[in-house]
Amino acid sequence: MKGKNMSEPTWVAHGTATPGRLSTAVKDLLPAAAFAFPRARKEPMTDASHVRDAMARFNQVQGVSDPERDVAFANIQKAASHFGIQMKESDWHQFGSRRA
């Protein structure tokens, strides 16, 4: 699943979070490794729905560098694989480029 992206993922499945909307309190308790963007703690990925949300909102995340996007893409790939989600994108630059 790795395209041009050479960053190593930091994402680790976190079993204590429940599916559905996550409260601020629950997000605050998650380890950084549960987020697509771990340094910024943006886009938690605790279930398949949240992984899809992270994919859909990838281009909306502000205040992160391209290297952080590389890591986030690797994290999304790892989480998608874990939750059985097939990704069409092989590079983060493809997010949002094929919207109808």
Protein backbone atom coordinates (compact mmCIF):
# COMPACT_ATOMS: atom_id res chain seq x y z
CA MET A 1 0.00 0.00 0.00
CA LYS A 2 2.95 2.33 0.19
CA GLY A 3 3.23 4.66 -2.78
CA LYS A 4 5.78 7.47 -2.78
CA ASN A 5 5.25 7.88 0.96
CA MET A 6 8.29 6.69 2.88
CA SER A 7 7.19 7.82 6.36
CA GLU A 8 6.72 5.20 9.01
CA PRO A 9 3.28 5.12 10.62
CA THR A 10 2.92 5.91 14.30
CA TRP A 11 -0.74 4.86 14.59
CA VAL A 12 -1.65 2.16 17.08
CA ALA A 13 -5.15 0.72 17.50
CA HIS A 14 -6.70 1.97 20.71
CA GLY A 15 -9.27 -0.42 22.12
CA THR A 16 -10.86 1.61 24.90
CA ALA A 17 -12.51 4.27 22.73
CA THR A 18 -16.09 3.67 21.68
CA PRO A 19 -17.40 4.14 18.15
CA GLY A 20 -19.39 7.26 17.37
CA ARG A 21 -18.84 10.87 18.28
CA LEU A 22 -15.94 11.34 20.66
CA SER A 23 -16.28 13.92 23.39
CA THR A 24 -13.44 16.32 24.08
CA ALA A 25 -12.80 14.49 27.34
CA VAL A 26 -12.43 11.15 25.53
CA LYS A 27 -10.16 12.69 22.87
CA ASP A 28 -7.99 14.19 25.60
CA LEU A 29 -7.49 10.73 27.10
CA LEU A 30 -6.42 9.12 23.81
CA PRO A 31 -2.70 8.62 23.25
CA ALA A 32 -1.12 10.61 20.43
CA ALA A 33 -0.66 7.32 18.54
CA ALA A 34 -4.46 7.11 18.09
CA PHE A 35 -4.51 10.19 15.82
CA ALA A 36 -3.76 10.56 12.12
CA PHE A 37 -1.81 13.72 12.98
CA PRO A 38 -0.23 12.72 16.31
CA ARG A 39 1.74 15.91 17.09
CA ALA A 40 -1.30 18.10 16.45
CA ARG A 41 -3.67 15.48 17.96
CA LYS A 42 -6.00 15.89 14.99
CA GLU A 43 -8.24 13.27 13.40
CA PRO A 44 -8.61 10.49 15.96
CA MET A 45 -8.92 7.04 14.38
CA THR A 46 -10.58 4.75 16.90
CA ASP A 47 -12.87 2.88 14.50
CA ALA A 48 -13.59 2.51 10.76
CA SER A 49 -15.91 5.52 10.73
CA HIS A 50 -13.23 7.77 12.19
CA VAL A 51 -10.67 6.51 9.65
CA ARG A 52 -13.08 7.43 6.84
CA ASP A 53 -13.58 10.84 8.47
CA ALA A 54 -9.80 11.36 8.64
CA MET A 55 -9.56 10.54 4.93
CA ALA A 56 -12.41 12.90 4.04
CA ARG A 57 -11.04 15.77 6.17
CA PHE A 58 -7.35 15.30 5.38
CA ASN A 59 -7.11 18.46 3.24
CA GLN A 60 -9.03 20.50 5.81
CA VAL A 61 -6.43 20.02 8.55
CA GLN A 62 -4.54 23.25 9.08
CA GLY A 63 -1.33 24.09 10.88
CA VAL A 64 0.58 20.95 9.86
CA SER A 65 3.66 20.56 7.69
CA ASP A 66 4.12 18.33 4.65
CA PRO A 67 6.25 15.88 6.68
CA GLU A 68 3.39 15.69 9.20
CA ARG A 69 1.02 14.97 6.31
CA ASP A 70 3.37 12.18 5.21
CA VAL A 71 3.11 10.61 8.66
CA ALA A 72 -0.66 11.16 8.78
CA PHE A 73 -1.08 9.44 5.41
CA ALA A 74 0.99 6.47 6.63
CA ASN A 75 -1.16 6.39 9.78
CA ILE A 76 -4.36 6.43 7.74
CA GLN A 77 -3.06 3.61 5.55
CA LYS A 78 -2.25 1.52 8.61
CA ALA A 79 -5.60 2.23 10.30
CA ALA A 80 -7.51 1.59 7.06
CA SER A 81 -5.79 -1.77 6.70
CA HIS A 82 -6.56 -2.60 10.35
CA PHE A 83 -10.26 -1.82 9.90
CA GLY A 84 -10.56 -3.43 6.45
CA ILE A 85 -10.98 -0.20 4.47
CA GLN A 86 -9.66 -0.17 0.92
CA MET A 87 -7.98 3.06 -0.11
CA LYS A 88 -7.77 4.28 -3.70
CA GLU A 89 -5.17 6.90 -2.79
CA SER A 90 -1.52 5.96 -2.93
CA ASP A 91 -0.27 9.42 -1.92
CA TRP A 92 -1.77 12.12 0.30
CA HIS A 93 -1.77 14.61 -2.58
CA GLN A 94 -4.61 12.56 -4.08
CA PHE A 95 -7.02 13.34 -1.24
CA GLY A 96 -9.66 15.68 -2.54
CA SER A 97 -8.38 15.58 -6.13
CA ARG A 98 -11.13 13.34 -7.48
CA ARG A 99 -14.27 14.84 -6.00
CA ALA A 100 -17.34 14.90 -8.23
